[in-house]
Amino acid sequence: MQIPLEVTFRGMAPSPSVELAIGHWLSRLEHVCARIQRCSVRIELPHRRQRHGAQFQVHLALTVPGREISVAHDPGRGTSHEDVYLALADAFLAARRQLLDHAQIRRGDIKRHVA
């Protein structure tokens, strides 16, 4: 199934190779959950003066039936995301964990705590 994909670049020029990598990661997520309805990815390169290279920020939103999964992967101190592909990998792996948790909750394997 072809999942609608929206990719936005901020603070950097659009890159076809980055978009191709996003498509690869999205196809891997589709193996985890075949019911993904939409995917939105925003890659930011903030204008900060640092001693080291620029730190990429990746924001990812997935829509599945009954839930929207959102990952805002902002590298903290001590974490190096000077490579956009590494930042993408971390964000998509975090989304994968959330998709797996969502699937377990829907199957009833994990009970939600109701306050």
PDB file of N, CA and C in Angstrom:
ATOM      1  N   MET A   1       0.837  -1.177   0.000  1.00  0.00           N
ATOM      2  CA  MET A   1       0.000   0.000   0.000  1.00  0.00           C
ATOM      3  C   MET A   1       0.885   1.244   0.000  1.00  0.00           C
ATOM      4  N   GLN A   2       0.515   2.232  -0.759  1.00  0.00           N
ATOM      5  CA  GLN A   2       1.253   3.476  -0.835  1.00  0.00           C
ATOM      6  C   GLN A   2       0.732   4.419   0.248  1.00  0.00           C
ATOM      7  N   ILE A   3       1.567   4.726   1.218  1.00  0.00           N
ATOM      8  CA  ILE A   3       1.198   5.600   2.330  1.00  0.00           C
ATOM      9  C   ILE A   3       1.458   7.044   1.919  1.00  0.00           C
ATOM     10  N   PRO A   4       0.460   7.930   2.088  1.00  0.00           N
ATOM     11  CA  PRO A   4       0.712   9.342   1.783  1.00  0.00           C
ATOM     12  C   PRO A   4       1.828   9.892   2.669  1.00  0.00           C
ATOM     13  N   LEU A   5       2.812  10.497   2.043  1.00  0.00           N
ATOM     14  CA  LEU A   5       3.994  10.972   2.749  1.00  0.00           C
ATOM     15  C   LEU A   5       4.192  12.453   2.456  1.00  0.00           C
ATOM     16  N   GLU A   6       4.395  13.220   3.532  1.00  0.00           N
ATOM     17  CA  GLU A   6       4.674  14.644   3.401  1.00  0.00           C
ATOM     18  C   GLU A   6       6.016  14.915   4.079  1.00  0.00           C
ATOM     19  N   VAL A   7       6.972  15.450   3.333  1.00  0.00           N
ATOM     20  CA  VAL A   7       8.298  15.743   3.861  1.00  0.00           C
ATOM     21  C   VAL A   7       8.544  17.239   3.754  1.00  0.00           C
ATOM     22  N   THR A   8       8.952  17.843   4.872  1.00  0.00           N
ATOM     23  CA  THR A   8       9.233  19.278   4.920  1.00  0.00           C
ATOM     24  C   THR A   8      10.650  19.485   5.431  1.00  0.00           C
ATOM     25  N   PHE A   9      11.394  20.333   4.740  1.00  0.00           N
ATOM     26  CA  PHE A   9      12.749  20.687   5.155  1.00  0.00           C
ATOM     27  C   PHE A   9      12.734  22.139   5.624  1.00  0.00           C
ATOM     28  N   ARG A  10      13.307  22.393   6.797  1.00  0.00           N
ATOM     29  CA  ARG A  10      13.411  23.762   7.311  1.00  0.00           C
ATOM     30  C   ARG A  10      14.867  24.053   7.641  1.00  0.00           C
ATOM     31  N   GLY A  11      15.337  25.176   7.134  1.00  0.00           N
ATOM     32  CA  GLY A  11      16.712  25.582   7.411  1.00  0.00           C
ATOM     33  C   GLY A  11      17.736  24.839   6.581  1.00  0.00           C
ATOM     34  N   MET A  12      17.284  24.098   5.592  1.00  0.00           N
ATOM     35  CA  MET A  12      18.192  23.349   4.723  1.00  0.00           C
ATOM     36  C   MET A  12      17.514  23.137   3.374  1.00  0.00           C
ATOM     37  N   ALA A  13      18.306  22.846   2.378  1.00  0.00           N
ATOM     38  CA  ALA A  13      17.768  22.597   1.048  1.00  0.00           C
ATOM     39  C   ALA A  13      17.154  21.196   0.992  1.00  0.00           C
ATOM     40  N   PRO A  14      16.055  21.030   0.238  1.00  0.00           N
ATOM     41  CA  PRO A  14      15.482  19.687   0.079  1.00  0.00           C
ATOM     42  C   PRO A  14      16.503  18.730  -0.532  1.00  0.00           C
ATOM     43  N   SER A  15      16.461  17.491  -0.071  1.00  0.00           N
ATOM     44  CA  SER A  15      17.424  16.499  -0.533  1.00  0.00           C
ATOM     45  C   SER A  15      16.693  15.247  -1.004  1.00  0.00           C
ATOM     46  N   PRO A  16      16.836  14.890  -2.281  1.00  0.00           N
ATOM     47  CA  PRO A  16      16.202  13.669  -2.774  1.00  0.00           C
ATOM     48  C   PRO A  16      16.717  12.411  -2.067  1.00  0.00           C
ATOM     49  N   SER A  17      17.984  12.397  -1.688  1.00  0.00           N
ATOM     50  CA  SER A  17      18.515  11.208  -1.019  1.00  0.00           C
ATOM     51  C   SER A  17      17.935  11.069   0.389  1.00  0.00           C
ATOM     52  N   VAL A  18      17.682  12.177   1.068  1.00  0.00           N
ATOM     53  CA  VAL A  18      17.038  12.115   2.385  1.00  0.00           C
ATOM     54  C   VAL A  18      15.597  11.638   2.228  1.00  0.00           C
ATOM     55  N   GLU A  19      14.903  12.133   1.205  1.00  0.00           N
ATOM     56  CA  GLU A  19      13.533  11.689   0.955  1.00  0.00           C
ATOM     57  C   GLU A  19      13.498  10.192   0.638  1.00  0.00           C
ATOM     58  N   LEU A  20      14.480   9.705  -0.085  1.00  0.00           N
ATOM     59  CA  LEU A  20      14.569   8.277  -0.385  1.00  0.00           C
ATOM     60  C   LEU A  20      14.783   7.470   0.897  1.00  0.00           C
ATOM     61  N   ALA A  21      15.633   7.975   1.793  1.00  0.00           N
ATOM     62  CA  ALA A  21      15.867   7.306   3.082  1.00  0.00           C
ATOM     63  C   ALA A  21      14.586   7.286   3.918  1.00  0.00           C
ATOM     64  N   ILE A  22      13.825   8.374   3.887  1.00  0.00           N
ATOM     65  CA  ILE A  22      12.553   8.423   4.614  1.00  0.00           C
ATOM     66  C   ILE A  22      11.599   7.374   4.058  1.00  0.00           C
ATOM     67  N   GLY A  23      11.539   7.251   2.747  1.00  0.00           N
ATOM     68  CA  GLY A  23      10.694   6.226   2.124  1.00  0.00           C
ATOM     69  C   GLY A  23      11.106   4.817   2.536  1.00  0.00           C
ATOM     70  N   HIS A  24      12.406   4.598   2.649  1.00  0.00           N
ATOM     71  CA  HIS A  24      12.912   3.293   3.099  1.00  0.00           C
ATOM     72  C   HIS A  24      12.465   3.009   4.530  1.00  0.00           C
ATOM     73  N   TRP A  25      12.628   4.005   5.428  1.00  0.00           N
ATOM     74  CA  TRP A  25      12.220   3.810   6.822  1.00  0.00           C
ATOM     75  C   TRP A  25      10.706   3.612   6.936  1.00  0.00           C
ATOM     76  N   LEU A  26       9.955   4.329   6.115  1.00  0.00           N
ATOM     77  CA  LEU A  26       8.493   4.182   6.147  1.00  0.00           C
ATOM     78  C   LEU A  26       8.071   2.789   5.695  1.00  0.00           C
ATOM     79  N   SER A  27       8.738   2.247   4.690  1.00  0.00           N
ATOM     80  CA  SER A  27       8.410   0.884   4.246  1.00  0.00           C
ATOM     81  C   SER A  27       8.745  -0.133   5.339  1.00  0.00           C
ATOM     82  N   ARG A  28       9.794   0.122   6.125  1.00  0.00           N
ATOM     83  CA  ARG A  28      10.110  -0.769   7.254  1.00  0.00           C
ATOM     84  C   ARG A  28       9.036  -0.679   8.336  1.00  0.00           C
ATOM     85  N   LEU A  29       8.504   0.531   8.553  1.00  0.00           N
ATOM     86  CA  LEU A  29       7.421   0.682   9.528  1.00  0.00           C
ATOM     87  C   LEU A  29       6.153  -0.022   9.068  1.00  0.00           C
ATOM     88  N   GLU A  30       5.957  -0.071   7.773  1.00  0.00           N
ATOM     89  CA  GLU A  30       4.765  -0.721   7.222  1.00  0.00           C
ATOM     90  C   GLU A  30       4.766  -2.222   7.519  1.00  0.00           C
ATOM     91  N   HIS A  31       5.946  -2.807   7.713  1.00  0.00           N
ATOM     92  CA  HIS A  31       6.030  -4.212   8.094  1.00  0.00           C
ATOM     93  C   HIS A  31       5.563  -4.411   9.534  1.00  0.00           C
ATOM     94  N   VAL A  32       5.741  -3.389  10.368  1.00  0.00           N
ATOM     95  CA  VAL A  32       5.305  -3.448  11.766  1.00  0.00           C
ATOM     96  C   VAL A  32       3.810  -3.229  11.860  1.00  0.00           C
ATOM     97  N   CYS A  33       3.301  -2.251  11.112  1.00  0.00           N
ATOM     98  CA  CYS A  33       1.876  -1.917  11.138  1.00  0.00           C
ATOM     99  C   CYS A  33       1.434  -1.591   9.718  1.00  0.00           C
ATOM    100  N   ALA A  34       0.616  -2.435   9.158  1.00  0.00           N
ATOM    101  CA  ALA A  34       0.174  -2.250   7.776  1.00  0.00           C
ATOM    102  C   ALA A  34      -0.970  -1.246   7.667  1.00  0.00           C
ATOM    103  N   ARG A  35      -1.420  -0.712   8.803  1.00  0.00           N
ATOM    104  CA  ARG A  35      -2.571   0.183   8.796  1.00  0.00           C
ATOM    105  C   ARG A  35      -2.192   1.655   8.936  1.00  0.00           C
ATOM    106  N   ILE A  36      -0.973   2.005   8.596  1.00  0.00           N
ATOM    107  CA  ILE A  36      -0.561   3.413   8.635  1.00  0.00           C
ATOM    108  C   ILE A  36      -1.298   4.147   7.526  1.00  0.00           C
ATOM    109  N   GLN A  37      -1.975   5.236   7.909  1.00  0.00           N
ATOM    110  CA  GLN A  37      -2.779   5.974   6.940  1.00  0.00           C
ATOM    111  C   GLN A  37      -2.069   7.189   6.371  1.00  0.00           C
ATOM    112  N   ARG A  38      -1.161   7.786   7.172  1.00  0.00           N
ATOM    113  CA  ARG A  38      -0.491   8.999   6.736  1.00  0.00           C
ATOM    114  C   ARG A  38       0.810   9.151   7.503  1.00  0.00           C
ATOM    115  N   CYS A  39       1.791   9.791   6.860  1.00  0.00           N
ATOM    116  CA  CYS A  39       3.073  10.049   7.508  1.00  0.00           C
ATOM    117  C   CYS A  39       3.544  11.453   7.126  1.00  0.00           C
ATOM    118  N   SER A  40       3.925  12.210   8.150  1.00  0.00           N
ATOM    119  CA  SER A  40       4.445  13.549   7.931  1.00  0.00           C
ATOM    120  C   SER A  40       5.799  13.649   8.632  1.00  0.00           C
ATOM    121  N   VAL A  41       6.810  14.124   7.907  1.00  0.00           N
ATOM    122  CA  VAL A  41       8.168  14.238   8.451  1.00  0.00           C
ATOM    123  C   VAL A  41       8.644  15.669   8.248  1.00  0.00           C
ATOM    124  N   ARG A  42       9.154  16.264   9.327  1.00  0.00           N
ATOM    125  CA  ARG A  42       9.739  17.601   9.241  1.00  0.00           C
ATOM    126  C   ARG A  42      11.175  17.510   9.751  1.00  0.00           C
ATOM    127  N   ILE A  43      12.112  17.927   8.910  1.00  0.00           N
ATOM    128  CA  ILE A  43      13.527  17.917   9.276  1.00  0.00           C
ATOM    129  C   ILE A  43      13.973  19.364   9.395  1.00  0.00           C
ATOM    130  N   GLU A  44      14.516  19.690  10.579  1.00  0.00           N
ATOM    131  CA  GLU A  44      14.939  21.065  10.826  1.00  0.00           C
ATOM    132  C   GLU A  44      16.432  21.110  11.112  1.00  0.00           C
ATOM    133  N   LEU A  45      17.014  22.169  10.636  1.00  0.00           N
ATOM    134  CA  LEU A  45      18.410  22.462  10.927  1.00  0.00           C
ATOM    135  C   LEU A  45      18.428  23.850  11.561  1.00  0.00           C
ATOM    136  N   PRO A  46      18.296  23.908  12.900  1.00  0.00           N
ATOM    137  CA  PRO A  46      18.211  25.212  13.562  1.00  0.00           C
ATOM    138  C   PRO A  46      19.493  26.018  13.397  1.00  0.00           C
ATOM    139  N   HIS A  47      19.328  27.314  13.436  1.00  0.00           N
ATOM    140  CA  HIS A  47      20.476  28.217  13.315  1.00  0.00           C
ATOM    141  C   HIS A  47      20.994  28.514  14.709  1.00  0.00           C
ATOM    142  N   ARG A  48      21.881  27.672  15.188  1.00  0.00           N
ATOM    143  CA  ARG A  48      22.493  27.860  16.497  1.00  0.00           C
ATOM    144  C   ARG A  48      23.999  27.956  16.312  1.00  0.00           C
ATOM    145  N   ARG A  49      24.601  28.747  17.118  1.00  0.00           N
ATOM    146  CA  ARG A  49      26.062  28.826  17.084  1.00  0.00           C
ATOM    147  C   ARG A  49      26.586  27.819  18.099  1.00  0.00           C
ATOM    148  N   GLN A  50      27.272  26.832  17.606  1.00  0.00           N
ATOM    149  CA  GLN A  50      27.801  25.781  18.466  1.00  0.00           C
ATOM    150  C   GLN A  50      29.256  25.533  18.119  1.00  0.00           C
ATOM    151  N   ARG A  51      29.906  24.862  19.016  1.00  0.00           N
ATOM    152  CA  ARG A  51      31.299  24.495  18.758  1.00  0.00           C
ATOM    153  C   ARG A  51      31.374  23.373  17.734  1.00  0.00           C
ATOM    154  N   HIS A  52      30.376  22.520  17.758  1.00  0.00           N
ATOM    155  CA  HIS A  52      30.348  21.373  16.848  1.00  0.00           C
ATOM    156  C   HIS A  52      29.423  21.688  15.682  1.00  0.00           C
ATOM    157  N   GLY A  53      29.235  20.717  14.816  1.00  0.00           N
ATOM    158  CA  GLY A  53      28.387  20.900  13.653  1.00  0.00           C
ATOM    159  C   GLY A  53      26.925  21.078  14.019  1.00  0.00           C
ATOM    160  N   ALA A  54      26.111  21.284  13.022  1.00  0.00           N
ATOM    161  CA  ALA A  54      24.688  21.515  13.215  1.00  0.00           C
ATOM    162  C   ALA A  54      24.001  20.250  13.730  1.00  0.00           C
ATOM    163  N   GLN A  55      22.975  20.434  14.544  1.00  0.00           N
ATOM    164  CA  GLN A  55      22.218  19.329  15.120  1.00  0.00           C
ATOM    165  C   GLN A  55      20.857  19.257  14.428  1.00  0.00           C
ATOM    166  N   PHE A  56      20.572  18.174  13.749  1.00  0.00           N
ATOM    167  CA  PHE A  56      19.300  18.004  13.055  1.00  0.00           C
ATOM    168  C   PHE A  56      18.212  17.621  14.042  1.00  0.00           C
ATOM    169  N   GLN A  57      17.025  18.157  13.804  1.00  0.00           N
ATOM    170  CA  GLN A  57      15.842  17.798  14.573  1.00  0.00           C
ATOM    171  C   GLN A  57      14.843  17.169  13.611  1.00  0.00           C
ATOM    172  N   VAL A  58      14.257  16.038  14.031  1.00  0.00           N
ATOM    173  CA  VAL A  58      13.291  15.341  13.193  1.00  0.00           C
ATOM    174  C   VAL A  58      11.975  15.254  13.947  1.00  0.00           C
ATOM    175  N   HIS A  59      10.907  15.681  13.290  1.00  0.00           N
ATOM    176  CA  HIS A  59       9.555  15.588  13.841  1.00  0.00           C
ATOM    177  C   HIS A  59       8.768  14.662  12.920  1.00  0.00           C
ATOM    178  N   LEU A  60       8.154  13.666  13.511  1.00  0.00           N
ATOM    179  CA  LEU A  60       7.493  12.615  12.745  1.00  0.00           C
ATOM    180  C   LEU A  60       6.076  12.442  13.278  1.00  0.00           C
ATOM    181  N   ALA A  61       5.093  12.405  12.387  1.00  0.00           N
ATOM    182  CA  ALA A  61       3.703  12.170  12.780  1.00  0.00           C
ATOM    183  C   ALA A  61       3.136  11.062  11.901  1.00  0.00           C
ATOM    184  N   LEU A  62       2.629  10.018  12.544  1.00  0.00           N
ATOM    185  CA  LEU A  62       1.998   8.895  11.845  1.00  0.00           C
ATOM    186  C   LEU A  62       0.546   8.815  12.272  1.00  0.00           C
ATOM    187  N   THR A  63      -0.327   8.558  11.327  1.00  0.00           N
ATOM    188  CA  THR A  63      -1.731   8.364  11.643  1.00  0.00           C
ATOM    189  C   THR A  63      -2.077   6.905  11.404  1.00  0.00           C
ATOM    190  N   VAL A  64      -2.602   6.263  12.448  1.00  0.00           N
ATOM    191  CA  VAL A  64      -3.112   4.891  12.359  1.00  0.00           C
ATOM    192  C   VAL A  64      -4.549   4.932  12.874  1.00  0.00           C
ATOM    193  N   PRO A  65      -5.374   3.959  12.558  1.00  0.00           N
ATOM    194  CA  PRO A  65      -6.744   3.982  13.054  1.00  0.00           C
ATOM    195  C   PRO A  65      -6.787   4.067  14.584  1.00  0.00           C
ATOM    196  N   GLY A  66      -7.439   5.096  15.068  1.00  0.00           N
ATOM    197  CA  GLY A  66      -7.611   5.247  16.501  1.00  0.00           C
ATOM    198  C   GLY A  66      -6.520   6.020  17.217  1.00  0.00           C
ATOM    199  N   ARG A  67      -5.493   6.454  16.499  1.00  0.00           N
ATOM    200  CA  ARG A  67      -4.396   7.133  17.201  1.00  0.00           C
ATOM    201  C   ARG A  67      -3.497   7.872  16.223  1.00  0.00           C
ATOM    202  N   GLU A  68      -2.901   8.952  16.725  1.00  0.00           N
ATOM    203  CA  GLU A  68      -1.835   9.630  15.990  1.00  0.00           C
ATOM    204  C   GLU A  68      -0.569   9.495  16.813  1.00  0.00           C
ATOM    205  N   ILE A  69       0.458   8.984  16.191  1.00  0.00           N
ATOM    206  CA  ILE A  69       1.737   8.779  16.853  1.00  0.00           C
ATOM    207  C   ILE A  69       2.652   9.924  16.446  1.00  0.00           C
ATOM    208  N   SER A  70       3.216  10.576  17.445  1.00  0.00           N
ATOM    209  CA  SER A  70       4.046  11.738  17.195  1.00  0.00           C
ATOM    210  C   SER A  70       5.402  11.544  17.866  1.00  0.00           C
ATOM    211  N   VAL A  71       6.449  11.813  17.120  1.00  0.00           N
ATOM    212  CA  VAL A  71       7.810  11.722  17.642  1.00  0.00           C
ATOM    213  C   VAL A  71       8.495  13.042  17.326  1.00  0.00           C
ATOM    214  N   ALA A  72       8.983  13.685  18.357  1.00  0.00           N
ATOM    215  CA  ALA A  72       9.771  14.903  18.180  1.00  0.00           C
ATOM    216  C   ALA A  72      11.160  14.574  18.676  1.00  0.00           C
ATOM    217  N   HIS A  73      12.033  14.255  17.754  1.00  0.00           N
ATOM    218  CA  HIS A  73      13.370  13.816  18.133  1.00  0.00           C
ATOM    219  C   HIS A  73      14.327  14.996  18.078  1.00  0.00           C
ATOM    220  N   ASP A  74      14.533  15.588  19.252  1.00  0.00           N
ATOM    221  CA  ASP A  74      15.423  16.722  19.393  1.00  0.00           C
ATOM    222  C   ASP A  74      16.653  16.257  20.161  1.00  0.00           C
ATOM    223  N   PRO A  75      17.818  16.291  19.568  1.00  0.00           N
ATOM    224  CA  PRO A  75      19.000  15.808  20.276  1.00  0.00           C
ATOM    225  C   PRO A  75      19.304  16.684  21.482  1.00  0.00           C
ATOM    226  N   GLY A  76      19.535  16.045  22.588  1.00  0.00           N
ATOM    227  CA  GLY A  76      19.885  16.777  23.802  1.00  0.00           C
ATOM    228  C   GLY A  76      21.378  16.963  23.905  1.00  0.00           C
ATOM    229  N   ARG A  77      21.792  17.461  25.031  1.00  0.00           N
ATOM    230  CA  ARG A  77      23.226  17.632  25.249  1.00  0.00           C
ATOM    231  C   ARG A  77      23.907  16.266  25.278  1.00  0.00           C
ATOM    232  N   GLY A  78      25.054  16.204  24.695  1.00  0.00           N
ATOM    233  CA  GLY A  78      25.804  14.962  24.688  1.00  0.00           C
ATOM    234  C   GLY A  78      25.394  14.006  23.582  1.00  0.00           C
ATOM    235  N   THR A  79      24.292  14.325  22.901  1.00  0.00           N
ATOM    236  CA  THR A  79      23.841  13.488  21.796  1.00  0.00           C
ATOM    237  C   THR A  79      24.203  14.188  20.502  1.00  0.00           C
ATOM    238  N   SER A  80      24.826  13.484  19.626  1.00  0.00           N
ATOM    239  CA  SER A  80      25.260  14.087  18.381  1.00  0.00           C
ATOM    240  C   SER A  80      24.384  13.627  17.228  1.00  0.00           C
ATOM    241  N   HIS A  81      23.668  14.559  16.655  1.00  0.00           N
ATOM    242  CA  HIS A  81      22.891  14.280  15.458  1.00  0.00           C
ATOM    243  C   HIS A  81      23.350  15.209  14.341  1.00  0.00           C
ATOM    244  N   GLU A  82      24.632  15.197  14.116  1.00  0.00           N
ATOM    245  CA  GLU A  82      25.187  15.991  13.039  1.00  0.00           C
ATOM    246  C   GLU A  82      24.932  15.320  11.696  1.00  0.00           C
ATOM    247  N   ASP A  83      24.545  14.068  11.721  1.00  0.00           N
ATOM    248  CA  ASP A  83      24.227  13.314  10.510  1.00  0.00           C
ATOM    249  C   ASP A  83      22.707  13.190  10.417  1.00  0.00           C
ATOM    250  N   VAL A  84      22.134  13.709   9.344  1.00  0.00           N
ATOM    251  CA  VAL A  84      20.680  13.689   9.177  1.00  0.00           C
ATOM    252  C   VAL A  84      20.152  12.253   9.126  1.00  0.00           C
ATOM    253  N   TYR A  85      20.922  11.325   8.580  1.00  0.00           N
ATOM    254  CA  TYR A  85      20.471   9.933   8.472  1.00  0.00           C
ATOM    255  C   TYR A  85      20.402   9.265   9.845  1.00  0.00           C
ATOM    256  N   LEU A  86      21.320   9.613  10.729  1.00  0.00           N
ATOM    257  CA  LEU A  86      21.280   9.090  12.098  1.00  0.00           C
ATOM    258  C   LEU A  86      20.076   9.660  12.848  1.00  0.00           C
ATOM    259  N   ALA A  87      19.806  10.950  12.663  1.00  0.00           N
ATOM    260  CA  ALA A  87      18.644  11.567  13.303  1.00  0.00           C
ATOM    261  C   ALA A  87      17.349  10.928  12.805  1.00  0.00           C
ATOM    262  N   LEU A  88      17.274  10.646  11.498  1.00  0.00           N
ATOM    263  CA  LEU A  88      16.100   9.968  10.938  1.00  0.00           C
ATOM    264  C   LEU A  88      15.937   8.567  11.521  1.00  0.00           C
ATOM    265  N   ALA A  89      17.038   7.834  11.610  1.00  0.00           N
ATOM    266  CA  ALA A  89      16.988   6.475  12.143  1.00  0.00           C
ATOM    267  C   ALA A  89      16.469   6.477  13.578  1.00  0.00           C
ATOM    268  N   ASP A  90      16.970   7.389  14.400  1.00  0.00           N
ATOM    269  CA  ASP A  90      16.517   7.458  15.786  1.00  0.00           C
ATOM    270  C   ASP A  90      15.032   7.786  15.874  1.00  0.00           C
ATOM    271  N   ALA A  91      14.565   8.722  15.055  1.00  0.00           N
ATOM    272  CA  ALA A  91      13.149   9.099  15.082  1.00  0.00           C
ATOM    273  C   ALA A  91      12.260   7.944  14.623  1.00  0.00           C
ATOM    274  N   PHE A  92      12.638   7.271  13.546  1.00  0.00           N
ATOM    275  CA  PHE A  92      11.816   6.168  13.046  1.00  0.00           C
ATOM    276  C   PHE A  92      11.851   4.963  13.987  1.00  0.00           C
ATOM    277  N   LEU A  93      12.961   4.738  14.670  1.00  0.00           N
ATOM    278  CA  LEU A  93      13.004   3.648  15.650  1.00  0.00           C
ATOM    279  C   LEU A  93      12.126   3.964  16.855  1.00  0.00           C
ATOM    280  N   ALA A  94      12.074   5.231  17.250  1.00  0.00           N
ATOM    281  CA  ALA A  94      11.173   5.633  18.337  1.00  0.00           C
ATOM    282  C   ALA A  94       9.713   5.452  17.907  1.00  0.00           C
ATOM    283  N   ALA A  95       9.398   5.794  16.655  1.00  0.00           N
ATOM    284  CA  ALA A  95       8.040   5.599  16.136  1.00  0.00           C
ATOM    285  C   ALA A  95       7.702   4.110  16.070  1.00  0.00           C
ATOM    286  N   ARG A  96       8.670   3.295  15.727  1.00  0.00           N
ATOM    287  CA  ARG A  96       8.456   1.841  15.677  1.00  0.00           C
ATOM    288  C   ARG A  96       8.077   1.307  17.055  1.00  0.00           C
ATOM    289  N   ARG A  97       8.785   1.770  18.090  1.00  0.00           N
ATOM    290  CA  ARG A  97       8.459   1.344  19.455  1.00  0.00           C
ATOM    291  C   ARG A  97       7.034   1.741  19.827  1.00  0.00           C
ATOM    292  N   GLN A  98       6.640   2.959  19.452  1.00  0.00           N
ATOM    293  CA  GLN A  98       5.281   3.409  19.755  1.00  0.00           C
ATOM    294  C   GLN A  98       4.239   2.608  18.987  1.00  0.00           C
ATOM    295  N   LEU A  99       4.532   2.265  17.735  1.00  0.00           N
ATOM    296  CA  LEU A  99       3.609   1.435  16.950  1.00  0.00           C
ATOM    297  C   LEU A  99       3.460   0.047  17.561  1.00  0.00           C
ATOM    298  N   LEU A 100       4.564  -0.534  18.009  1.00  0.00           N
ATOM    299  CA  LEU A 100       4.499  -1.857  18.641  1.00  0.00           C
ATOM    300  C   LEU A 100       3.689  -1.800  19.929  1.00  0.00           C
ATOM    301  N   ASP A 101       3.883  -0.747  20.733  1.00  0.00           N
ATOM    302  CA  ASP A 101       3.097  -0.590  21.958  1.00  0.00           C
ATOM    303  C   ASP A 101       1.617  -0.434  21.636  1.00  0.00           C
ATOM    304  N   HIS A 102       1.316   0.369  20.617  1.00  0.00           N
ATOM    305  CA  HIS A 102      -0.076   0.577  20.206  1.00  0.00           C
ATOM    306  C   HIS A 102      -0.714  -0.743  19.764  1.00  0.00           C
ATOM    307  N   ALA A 103       0.018  -1.540  19.021  1.00  0.00           N
ATOM    308  CA  ALA A 103      -0.502  -2.832  18.561  1.00  0.00           C
ATOM    309  C   ALA A 103      -0.764  -3.768  19.740  1.00  0.00           C
ATOM    310  N   GLN A 104       0.124  -3.775  20.719  1.00  0.00           N
ATOM    311  CA  GLN A 104      -0.078  -4.630  21.897  1.00  0.00           C
ATOM    312  C   GLN A 104      -1.283  -4.185  22.702  1.00  0.00           C
ATOM    313  N   ILE A 105      -1.491  -2.888  22.820  1.00  0.00           N
ATOM    314  CA  ILE A 105      -2.656  -2.386  23.553  1.00  0.00           C
ATOM    315  C   ILE A 105      -3.937  -2.766  22.824  1.00  0.00           C
ATOM    316  N   ARG A 106      -3.952  -2.628  21.507  1.00  0.00           N
ATOM    317  CA  ARG A 106      -5.155  -2.973  20.727  1.00  0.00           C
ATOM    318  C   ARG A 106      -5.469  -4.466  20.806  1.00  0.00           C
ATOM    319  N   ARG A 107      -4.423  -5.297  20.879  1.00  0.00           N
ATOM    320  CA  ARG A 107      -4.645  -6.742  20.990  1.00  0.00           C
ATOM    321  C   ARG A 107      -5.068  -7.137  22.400  1.00  0.00           C
ATOM    322  N   GLY A 108      -4.824  -6.259  23.360  1.00  0.00           N
ATOM    323  CA  GLY A 108      -5.163  -6.571  24.746  1.00  0.00           C
ATOM    324  C   GLY A 108      -4.025  -7.207  25.512  1.00  0.00           C
ATOM    325  N   ASP A 109      -2.824  -7.238  24.929  1.00  0.00           N
ATOM    326  CA  ASP A 109      -1.664  -7.803  25.620  1.00  0.00           C
ATOM    327  C   ASP A 109      -1.210  -6.914  26.770  1.00  0.00           C
ATOM    328  N   ILE A 110      -1.410  -5.603  26.616  1.00  0.00           N
ATOM    329  CA  ILE A 110      -1.023  -4.637  27.644  1.00  0.00           C
ATOM    330  C   ILE A 110      -2.285  -3.885  28.067  1.00  0.00           C
ATOM    331  N   LYS A 111      -2.501  -3.803  29.345  1.00  0.00           N
ATOM    332  CA  LYS A 111      -3.648  -3.053  29.860  1.00  0.00           C
ATOM    333  C   LYS A 111      -3.210  -1.633  30.123  1.00  0.00           C
ATOM    334  N   ARG A 112      -4.067  -0.699  29.757  1.00  0.00           N
ATOM    335  CA  ARG A 112      -3.787   0.709  30.041  1.00  0.00           C
ATOM    336  C   ARG A 112      -4.174   1.025  31.467  1.00  0.00           C
ATOM    337  N   HIS A 113      -3.378   1.856  32.093  1.00  0.00           N
ATOM    338  CA  HIS A 113      -3.681   2.313  33.437  1.00  0.00           C
ATOM    339  C   HIS A 113      -4.663   3.480  33.335  1.00  0.00           C
ATOM    340  N   VAL A 114      -5.802   3.346  33.962  1.00  0.00           N
ATOM    341  CA  VAL A 114      -6.803   4.398  33.940  1.00  0.00           C
ATOM    342  C   VAL A 114      -6.766   5.104  35.283  1.00  0.00           C
ATOM    343  N   ALA A 115      -6.514   6.410  35.235  1.00  0.00           N
ATOM    344  CA  ALA A 115      -6.412   7.190  36.487  1.00  0.00           C
ATOM    345  C   ALA A 115      -7.757   7.664  36.941  1.00  0.00           C
TER     346      ALA A 115
END
